[in-house]
């Protein structure tokens, strides 16, 4: 299923699915010569949402410097710098995954 349709079907933001792909938690597919859209396995996404591998994701995100508390007060996470990682966002919350720029 196309990524945007999977996001609306599961009820997550497209950026969340892109983060799962970047962290290696979800595989992406492309239909060569047909279109440029990214496809994901919806059942794998549902399973990932039911049983998130919190330890693996947290270890990956904690490799960079601390940039203070997440701007979402209810989250309680810490903003980490990920610029040196392959495909890493500039800064990201280690708990909720929110992306930040300077």
C-alpha atoms as a PDB file:
ATOM      1  CA  UNK A   1       0.000   0.000   0.000  1.00  0.00           C
ATOM      2  CA  UNK A   2       1.323   3.518  -0.708  1.00  0.00           C
ATOM      3  CA  UNK A   3       2.890   5.170   2.323  1.00  0.00           C
ATOM      4  CA  UNK A   4       0.377   8.049   2.479  1.00  0.00           C
ATOM      5  CA  UNK A   5      -2.582   5.655   2.356  1.00  0.00           C
ATOM      6  CA  UNK A   6      -1.007   3.411   4.993  1.00  0.00           C
ATOM      7  CA  UNK A   7      -0.480   6.435   7.259  1.00  0.00           C
ATOM      8  CA  UNK A   8      -4.127   7.495   7.046  1.00  0.00           C
ATOM      9  CA  UNK A   9      -5.350   3.894   7.362  1.00  0.00           C
ATOM     10  CA  UNK A  10      -3.309   3.225  10.531  1.00  0.00           C
ATOM     11  CA  UNK A  11      -3.752   6.756  11.912  1.00  0.00           C
ATOM     12  CA  UNK A  12      -0.118   7.900  12.043  1.00  0.00           C
ATOM     13  CA  UNK A  13       1.709  10.757  10.362  1.00  0.00           C
ATOM     14  CA  UNK A  14       3.737  10.038   7.231  1.00  0.00           C
ATOM     15  CA  UNK A  15       6.848  11.291   9.050  1.00  0.00           C
ATOM     16  CA  UNK A  16       6.392   8.500  11.606  1.00  0.00           C
ATOM     17  CA  UNK A  17       6.523   5.878   8.857  1.00  0.00           C
ATOM     18  CA  UNK A  18       9.574   7.563   7.300  1.00  0.00           C
ATOM     19  CA  UNK A  19      11.235   7.462  10.742  1.00  0.00           C
ATOM     20  CA  UNK A  20      10.502   3.724  11.052  1.00  0.00           C
ATOM     21  CA  UNK A  21      12.061   3.183   7.618  1.00  0.00           C
ATOM     22  CA  UNK A  22      15.118   5.322   8.505  1.00  0.00           C
ATOM     23  CA  UNK A  23      15.630   3.388  11.759  1.00  0.00           C
ATOM     24  CA  UNK A  24      15.412   0.095   9.863  1.00  0.00           C
ATOM     25  CA  UNK A  25      12.232  -0.968  11.653  1.00  0.00           C
ATOM     26  CA  UNK A  26      10.084  -1.061   8.496  1.00  0.00           C
ATOM     27  CA  UNK A  27      10.970  -2.007   4.920  1.00  0.00           C
ATOM     28  CA  UNK A  28      10.000   0.224   2.013  1.00  0.00           C
ATOM     29  CA  UNK A  29       9.157  -0.875  -1.507  1.00  0.00           C
ATOM     30  CA  UNK A  30       9.104   0.900  -4.868  1.00  0.00           C
ATOM     31  CA  UNK A  31       7.394  -0.098  -8.120  1.00  0.00           C
ATOM     32  CA  UNK A  32      10.180   0.509 -10.655  1.00  0.00           C
ATOM     33  CA  UNK A  33       9.042   2.199 -13.822  1.00  0.00           C
ATOM     34  CA  UNK A  34       5.478   2.623 -12.541  1.00  0.00           C
ATOM     35  CA  UNK A  35       5.620   5.580 -10.152  1.00  0.00           C
ATOM     36  CA  UNK A  36       7.855   7.229  -7.575  1.00  0.00           C
ATOM     37  CA  UNK A  37       5.723   6.469  -4.536  1.00  0.00           C
ATOM     38  CA  UNK A  38       7.006   4.570  -1.534  1.00  0.00           C
ATOM     39  CA  UNK A  39       5.045   1.476  -0.528  1.00  0.00           C
ATOM     40  CA  UNK A  40       4.991  -0.262   2.858  1.00  0.00           C
ATOM     41  CA  UNK A  41       3.580  -3.501   4.197  1.00  0.00           C
ATOM     42  CA  UNK A  42       0.515  -2.424   6.201  1.00  0.00           C
ATOM     43  CA  UNK A  43       0.484  -5.591   8.310  1.00  0.00           C
ATOM     44  CA  UNK A  44       4.145  -5.042   9.257  1.00  0.00           C
ATOM     45  CA  UNK A  45       3.274  -1.435  10.178  1.00  0.00           C
ATOM     46  CA  UNK A  46       0.330  -2.585  12.322  1.00  0.00           C
ATOM     47  CA  UNK A  47       2.572  -5.104  14.083  1.00  0.00           C
ATOM     48  CA  UNK A  48       5.226  -2.419  14.663  1.00  0.00           C
ATOM     49  CA  UNK A  49       2.585  -0.122  16.198  1.00  0.00           C
ATOM     50  CA  UNK A  50       1.306  -2.949  18.441  1.00  0.00           C
ATOM     51  CA  UNK A  51       4.780  -4.049  19.576  1.00  0.00           C
ATOM     52  CA  UNK A  52       7.281  -1.190  19.167  1.00  0.00           C
ATOM     53  CA  UNK A  53      10.960  -2.112  19.734  1.00  0.00           C
ATOM     54  CA  UNK A  54      11.541   0.734  22.200  1.00  0.00           C
ATOM     55  CA  UNK A  55      15.012  -0.380  23.271  1.00  0.00           C
ATOM     56  CA  UNK A  56      16.449  -0.397  19.723  1.00  0.00           C
ATOM     57  CA  UNK A  57      14.950   2.989  18.784  1.00  0.00           C
ATOM     58  CA  UNK A  58      16.035   4.623  22.051  1.00  0.00           C
ATOM     59  CA  UNK A  59      19.622   3.372  21.703  1.00  0.00           C
ATOM     60  CA  UNK A  60      19.782   4.759  18.150  1.00  0.00           C
ATOM     61  CA  UNK A  61      18.435   8.168  19.181  1.00  0.00           C
ATOM     62  CA  UNK A  62      20.578   8.561  22.300  1.00  0.00           C
ATOM     63  CA  UNK A  63      23.862   8.622  20.357  1.00  0.00           C
ATOM     64  CA  UNK A  64      23.911  12.418  20.036  1.00  0.00           C
ATOM     65  CA  UNK A  65      24.150  15.453  22.322  1.00  0.00           C
ATOM     66  CA  UNK A  66      21.262  16.559  24.517  1.00  0.00           C
ATOM     67  CA  UNK A  67      19.384  19.675  23.298  1.00  0.00           C
ATOM     68  CA  UNK A  68      16.899  20.063  26.140  1.00  0.00           C
ATOM     69  CA  UNK A  69      13.363  18.864  26.815  1.00  0.00           C
ATOM     70  CA  UNK A  70      10.843  18.051  24.096  1.00  0.00           C
ATOM     71  CA  UNK A  71       8.518  20.968  23.296  1.00  0.00           C
ATOM     72  CA  UNK A  72       5.524  18.696  23.905  1.00  0.00           C
ATOM     73  CA  UNK A  73       5.154  19.032  27.677  1.00  0.00           C
ATOM     74  CA  UNK A  74       3.233  15.763  28.020  1.00  0.00           C
ATOM     75  CA  UNK A  75       6.022  13.767  26.315  1.00  0.00           C
ATOM     76  CA  UNK A  76       8.828  14.217  28.839  1.00  0.00           C
ATOM     77  CA  UNK A  77      11.475  13.234  26.258  1.00  0.00           C
ATOM     78  CA  UNK A  78      14.762  14.899  25.347  1.00  0.00           C
ATOM     79  CA  UNK A  79      15.742  16.446  22.017  1.00  0.00           C
ATOM     80  CA  UNK A  80      18.832  14.723  20.568  1.00  0.00           C
ATOM     81  CA  UNK A  81      21.131  15.812  17.728  1.00  0.00           C
ATOM     82  CA  UNK A  82      21.179  13.212  14.903  1.00  0.00           C
ATOM     83  CA  UNK A  83      22.910  15.116  12.087  1.00  0.00           C
ATOM     84  CA  UNK A  84      25.883  12.737  11.914  1.00  0.00           C
ATOM     85  CA  UNK A  85      23.756   9.632  11.383  1.00  0.00           C
ATOM     86  CA  UNK A  86      23.002   8.367   7.879  1.00  0.00           C
ATOM     87  CA  UNK A  87      19.552   9.632   6.941  1.00  0.00           C
ATOM     88  CA  UNK A  88      19.186  11.240  10.373  1.00  0.00           C
ATOM     89  CA  UNK A  89      16.964  14.223  10.989  1.00  0.00           C
ATOM     90  CA  UNK A  90      18.694  17.318  12.400  1.00  0.00           C
ATOM     91  CA  UNK A  91      17.169  16.868  15.856  1.00  0.00           C
ATOM     92  CA  UNK A  92      14.576  14.451  17.205  1.00  0.00           C
ATOM     93  CA  UNK A  93      12.844  13.706  20.518  1.00  0.00           C
ATOM     94  CA  UNK A  94      14.066  10.422  21.985  1.00  0.00           C
ATOM     95  CA  UNK A  95      10.634   9.519  23.353  1.00  0.00           C
ATOM     96  CA  UNK A  96       7.906  10.696  20.925  1.00  0.00           C
ATOM     97  CA  UNK A  97      10.081  10.998  17.770  1.00  0.00           C
ATOM     98  CA  UNK A  98       9.088  14.600  17.009  1.00  0.00           C
ATOM     99  CA  UNK A  99      11.473  16.241  14.526  1.00  0.00           C
ATOM    100  CA  UNK A 100      13.059  19.642  15.159  1.00  0.00           C
ATOM    101  CA  UNK A 101      15.195  22.059  13.170  1.00  0.00           C
ATOM    102  CA  UNK A 102      17.324  24.880  14.496  1.00  0.00           C
END
